[in-house]
Amino acid sequence: MADKLIVLVTGANQGIGLYAAQQFAATGKHHVFVGSRDLAKGEKAVATLVAEGVDKESLEAVQLDVTSDESIEAAAKIVLEKYGRLDILANNAGISSAPGTKRAELQQIYDTNVFGAVIATDAFLPLLRKSTLPGGKRIVFVSSSLGSLTFASDLKGQFPGKLFLQYRSSKTALNMVLVSYASMLDDEEGFVVSGLCPGYCTTNLTNYDGYKDPRDGAKVILMAAEGEKKDVHCKVVHEGGAYPW
């Protein structure tokens, strides 16, 4: 794998993450870890992609639950022992709702969408620092236009701030996380840290109520991961450019 970029996509057994894994692998330039909370589902996802024509040697499943420090550490150890480095980390795992009281729902959403992304990034950062290939040292956070304070403040807009408090506030927090890492790593060894909004896709996250094909949403992950630094670093991008904070 010396000539391929090693990529890890969290929450990649379904939805946008699955298609991002497919599209990374299809380039022939990437070897992709399909992160999945349930390893069996990750292995099934790999088998599905291989059956659809993706090179079997370009994909492998890894158990990764972003709400478990032990799971994250174990996944990082696997990547270290197999390849000694990671080139691209795509923090994709996320949920939009959870059962229980409002406090319980907020705790679960933030645990996955925010805390999990931070702990995973910290765990894989030593491996990302070992990347030497062009196109490496990339960290991507899957955010949302709903996290934009500018959009939320537009009371006559499509999605005013009164809607989706639990989910959208987690994405606002995630935007600060990406800015923090972008600032911390900006001058260190050529890191590029970016966020992205894949759009309102028809996935489990949206209860299959989106208007956009998740394959198209996945393309934005690759765009953020492969774009020029000036276009994507310390920004939340979408197909048309950067969104306001």
Protein backbone atom coordinates (compact mmCIF):
# COMPACT_ATOMS: atom_id res chain seq x y z
CA MET A 1 0.00 0.00 0.00
CA ALA A 2 3.02 2.26 -0.26
CA ASP A 3 1.61 3.92 -3.38
CA LYS A 4 -2.03 4.23 -2.25
CA LEU A 5 -3.57 6.76 0.09
CA ILE A 6 -4.95 5.03 3.17
CA VAL A 7 -8.42 6.37 3.97
CA LEU A 8 -10.70 5.74 6.92
CA VAL A 9 -14.37 6.67 6.72
CA THR A 10 -16.38 6.45 9.93
CA GLY A 11 -20.00 5.35 9.74
CA ALA A 12 -19.35 3.84 6.32
CA ASN A 13 -21.56 0.77 6.34
CA GLN A 14 -24.53 2.72 4.93
CA GLY A 15 -25.65 5.98 3.39
CA ILE A 16 -23.24 8.71 2.41
CA GLY A 17 -20.32 7.02 4.15
CA LEU A 18 -20.83 3.84 2.16
CA TYR A 19 -20.82 5.69 -1.15
CA ALA A 20 -17.83 7.77 -0.11
CA ALA A 21 -15.94 4.53 0.57
CA GLN A 22 -17.05 3.24 -2.84
CA GLN A 23 -15.95 6.39 -4.65
CA PHE A 24 -12.59 6.61 -2.88
CA ALA A 25 -11.87 2.96 -3.70
CA ALA A 26 -13.03 3.32 -7.31
CA THR A 27 -10.31 5.87 -8.04
CA GLY A 28 -7.64 3.19 -7.79
CA LYS A 29 -5.58 5.63 -5.70
CA HIS A 30 -7.04 4.81 -2.29
CA HIS A 31 -7.25 1.90 0.11
CA VAL A 32 -10.34 2.40 2.25
CA PHE A 33 -11.18 1.29 5.76
CA VAL A 34 -14.95 1.00 6.03
CA GLY A 35 -15.57 2.02 9.63
CA SER A 36 -18.67 0.46 11.16
CA ARG A 37 -19.99 0.25 14.71
CA ASP A 38 -21.08 -3.32 13.88
CA LEU A 39 -18.23 -5.20 12.19
CA ALA A 40 -20.64 -7.65 10.51
CA LYS A 41 -22.47 -4.75 8.87
CA GLY A 42 -19.15 -3.32 7.73
CA GLU A 43 -18.13 -6.62 6.20
CA LYS A 44 -21.52 -6.88 4.49
CA ALA A 45 -21.06 -3.36 3.10
CA VAL A 46 -17.65 -4.32 1.70
CA ALA A 47 -19.12 -7.44 0.11
CA THR A 48 -21.87 -5.34 -1.47
CA LEU A 49 -19.40 -2.88 -2.95
CA VAL A 50 -17.19 -5.67 -4.26
CA ALA A 51 -20.24 -7.28 -5.88
CA GLU A 52 -20.90 -3.94 -7.57
CA GLY A 53 -17.45 -3.96 -9.10
CA VAL A 54 -15.13 -2.30 -6.58
CA ASP A 55 -11.71 -3.93 -6.31
CA LYS A 56 -11.72 -6.22 -3.27
CA GLU A 57 -8.14 -5.26 -2.46
CA SER A 58 -9.13 -1.60 -2.09
CA LEU A 59 -11.57 -2.11 0.79
CA GLU A 60 -11.58 -3.58 4.27
CA ALA A 61 -13.98 -3.31 7.18
CA VAL A 62 -12.90 -2.19 10.63
CA GLN A 63 -14.98 -2.12 13.79
CA LEU A 64 -15.26 1.49 14.90
CA ASP A 65 -17.84 2.89 17.29
CA VAL A 66 -17.13 6.61 17.71
CA THR A 67 -18.96 6.63 21.06
CA SER A 68 -16.44 4.15 22.49
CA ASP A 69 -12.87 5.23 23.29
CA GLU A 70 -11.82 1.58 23.42
CA SER A 71 -13.24 0.92 19.96
CA ILE A 72 -11.52 3.99 18.51
CA GLU A 73 -8.19 3.05 20.06
CA ALA A 74 -8.51 -0.54 18.79
CA ALA A 75 -9.22 0.68 15.24
CA ALA A 76 -6.22 3.02 15.34
CA LYS A 77 -4.05 0.12 16.48
CA ILE A 78 -5.24 -1.99 13.53
CA VAL A 79 -4.38 0.75 11.04
CA LEU A 80 -0.99 1.27 12.71
CA GLU A 81 -0.10 -2.41 12.68
CA LYS A 82 -1.24 -2.96 9.09
CA TYR A 83 0.03 0.16 7.36
CA GLY A 84 1.85 2.33 9.86
CA ARG A 85 0.05 5.49 8.76
CA LEU A 86 -3.24 7.06 7.74
CA ASP A 87 -3.50 9.60 4.93
CA ILE A 88 -7.15 10.74 5.05
CA LEU A 89 -9.65 10.64 7.92
CA ALA A 90 -13.29 11.27 7.03
CA ASN A 91 -15.35 11.90 10.16
CA ASN A 92 -18.70 10.91 8.71
CA ALA A 93 -20.49 9.02 11.51
CA GLY A 94 -23.50 10.92 12.74
CA ILE A 95 -27.07 10.67 13.99
CA SER A 96 -29.96 13.13 13.75
CA SER A 97 -32.15 11.92 16.60
CA ALA A 98 -32.14 9.59 19.59
CA PRO A 99 -34.72 8.17 22.00
CA GLY A 100 -35.45 9.49 25.47
CA THR A 101 -35.82 12.90 27.06
CA LYS A 102 -34.47 16.02 25.39
CA ARG A 103 -31.40 15.85 27.65
CA ALA A 104 -30.84 12.19 26.74
CA GLU A 105 -31.29 12.93 23.04
CA LEU A 106 -28.84 15.83 23.14
CA GLN A 107 -26.29 13.72 24.99
CA GLN A 108 -26.48 10.91 22.43
CA ILE A 109 -26.38 13.24 19.41
CA TYR A 110 -23.43 15.20 20.74
CA ASP A 111 -21.64 12.02 21.81
CA THR A 112 -21.73 10.75 18.23
CA ASN A 113 -21.58 13.93 16.16
CA VAL A 114 -19.14 15.99 18.21
CA PHE A 115 -17.35 14.07 20.94
CA GLY A 116 -16.83 11.03 18.71
CA ALA A 117 -15.29 13.14 15.95
CA VAL A 118 -12.89 14.80 18.39
CA ILE A 119 -11.75 11.57 20.04
CA ALA A 120 -11.37 9.81 16.69
CA THR A 121 -9.35 12.69 15.27
CA ASP A 122 -7.06 12.73 18.29
CA ALA A 123 -6.58 8.95 18.11
CA PHE A 124 -5.68 8.96 14.41
CA LEU A 125 -3.66 12.18 14.41
CA PRO A 126 -0.34 10.41 15.16
CA LEU A 127 -0.96 8.17 12.13
CA LEU A 128 -1.95 11.12 9.95
CA ARG A 129 1.32 12.81 10.91
CA LYS A 130 3.14 9.83 9.41
CA SER A 131 1.58 10.44 5.98
CA THR A 132 4.10 11.40 3.31
CA LEU A 133 2.14 10.90 0.07
CA PRO A 134 0.80 13.85 -1.92
CA GLY A 135 -2.86 14.24 -1.00
CA GLY A 136 -2.32 12.99 2.55
CA LYS A 137 -2.61 14.67 5.94
CA ARG A 138 -6.28 15.42 5.32
CA ILE A 139 -9.03 15.55 7.93
CA VAL A 140 -12.65 15.94 6.84
CA PHE A 141 -15.68 16.61 9.02
CA VAL A 142 -19.14 15.94 7.58
CA SER A 143 -21.12 18.95 8.77
CA SER A 144 -24.35 20.52 7.49
CA SER A 145 -25.68 23.85 6.26
CA LEU A 146 -28.04 23.55 9.25
CA GLY A 147 -25.04 24.29 11.47
CA SER A 148 -24.63 27.75 9.95
CA LEU A 149 -25.56 30.56 12.35
CA THR A 150 -26.00 32.82 9.32
CA PHE A 151 -28.67 30.57 7.82
CA ALA A 152 -30.32 29.88 11.18
CA SER A 153 -30.60 33.63 11.85
CA ASP A 154 -32.61 34.12 8.66
CA LEU A 155 -36.09 33.78 10.15
CA LYS A 156 -37.66 33.83 6.69
CA GLY A 157 -35.27 31.26 5.27
CA GLN A 158 -36.02 27.64 4.49
CA PHE A 159 -34.65 26.36 7.80
CA PRO A 160 -34.92 29.05 10.52
CA GLY A 161 -33.16 28.42 13.81
CA LYS A 162 -36.30 27.22 15.59
CA LEU A 163 -36.13 23.93 13.66
CA PHE A 164 -34.04 20.84 14.51
CA LEU A 165 -32.36 22.28 17.63
CA GLN A 166 -30.69 19.08 18.81
CA TYR A 167 -29.16 18.04 15.49
CA ARG A 168 -28.21 21.41 14.05
CA SER A 169 -26.57 22.68 17.25
CA SER A 170 -24.33 19.60 17.19
CA LYS A 171 -23.21 20.56 13.68
CA THR A 172 -22.54 24.14 14.81
CA ALA A 173 -20.35 22.69 17.55
CA LEU A 174 -18.66 20.43 15.00
CA ASN A 175 -17.86 23.48 12.87
CA MET A 176 -15.95 24.94 15.82
CA VAL A 177 -14.15 21.62 16.19
CA LEU A 178 -12.97 21.74 12.57
CA VAL A 179 -11.89 25.37 12.93
CA SER A 180 -9.93 24.45 16.05
CA TYR A 181 -8.09 21.61 14.30
CA ALA A 182 -7.54 23.74 11.19
CA SER A 183 -6.00 26.45 13.35
CA MET A 184 -3.91 24.01 15.38
CA LEU A 185 -2.59 22.14 12.34
CA ASP A 186 -2.49 24.95 9.78
CA ASP A 187 1.28 25.42 9.89
CA GLU A 188 2.14 21.88 10.88
CA GLU A 189 3.44 19.60 8.14
CA GLY A 190 0.94 20.65 5.49
CA PHE A 191 -2.34 19.51 7.01
CA VAL A 192 -5.63 20.36 5.31
CA VAL A 193 -8.70 20.33 7.56
CA SER A 194 -12.11 20.85 6.01
CA GLY A 195 -15.82 20.50 6.63
CA LEU A 196 -18.59 19.83 4.17
CA CYS A 197 -22.32 19.72 3.69
CA PRO A 198 -23.37 16.76 1.52
CA GLY A 199 -26.90 18.12 1.12
CA TYR A 200 -30.27 16.73 2.16
CA CYS A 201 -29.74 13.15 1.03
CA THR A 202 -32.09 10.20 1.10
CA THR A 203 -30.48 8.16 3.89
CA ASN A 204 -31.29 6.62 7.24
CA LEU A 205 -30.16 9.92 8.83
CA THR A 206 -33.08 11.74 7.19
CA ASN A 207 -35.52 8.82 7.52
CA TYR A 208 -35.14 8.50 3.73
CA ASP A 209 -36.91 11.82 3.26
CA GLY A 210 -34.13 13.66 1.41
CA TYR A 211 -34.26 14.99 -2.13
CA LYS A 212 -30.67 14.19 -3.08
CA ASP A 213 -29.07 10.89 -4.02
CA PRO A 214 -26.52 9.90 -1.34
CA ARG A 215 -24.07 9.07 -4.13
CA ASP A 216 -24.05 12.74 -5.02
CA GLY A 217 -23.67 13.69 -1.37
CA ALA A 218 -20.65 11.39 -1.13
CA LYS A 219 -18.99 13.27 -3.98
CA VAL A 220 -18.75 16.31 -1.71
CA ILE A 221 -16.72 14.26 0.79
CA LEU A 222 -14.20 13.51 -1.93
CA MET A 223 -14.27 17.13 -3.04
CA ALA A 224 -13.40 18.27 0.48
CA ALA A 225 -10.74 15.58 0.87
CA GLU A 226 -9.05 16.26 -2.46
CA GLY A 227 -9.64 19.98 -3.04
CA GLU A 228 -6.98 22.66 -3.15
CA LYS A 229 -6.14 23.94 0.33
CA LYS A 230 -7.20 27.48 -0.55
CA ASP A 231 -10.66 26.20 -1.49
CA VAL A 232 -11.41 23.85 1.39
CA HIS A 233 -9.16 24.47 4.40
CA CYS A 234 -11.00 25.82 7.46
CA LYS A 235 -14.26 25.96 5.51
CA VAL A 236 -17.56 24.10 5.22
CA VAL A 237 -17.94 23.45 1.52
CA HIS A 238 -20.70 22.16 -0.70
CA GLU A 239 -21.01 21.59 -4.44
CA GLY A 240 -21.17 25.32 -5.12
CA GLY A 241 -18.34 26.49 -2.86
CA ALA A 242 -18.15 27.50 0.81
CA TYR A 243 -21.07 28.10 3.14
CA PRO A 244 -21.13 31.01 5.62
CA TRP A 245 -20.64 30.21 9.27
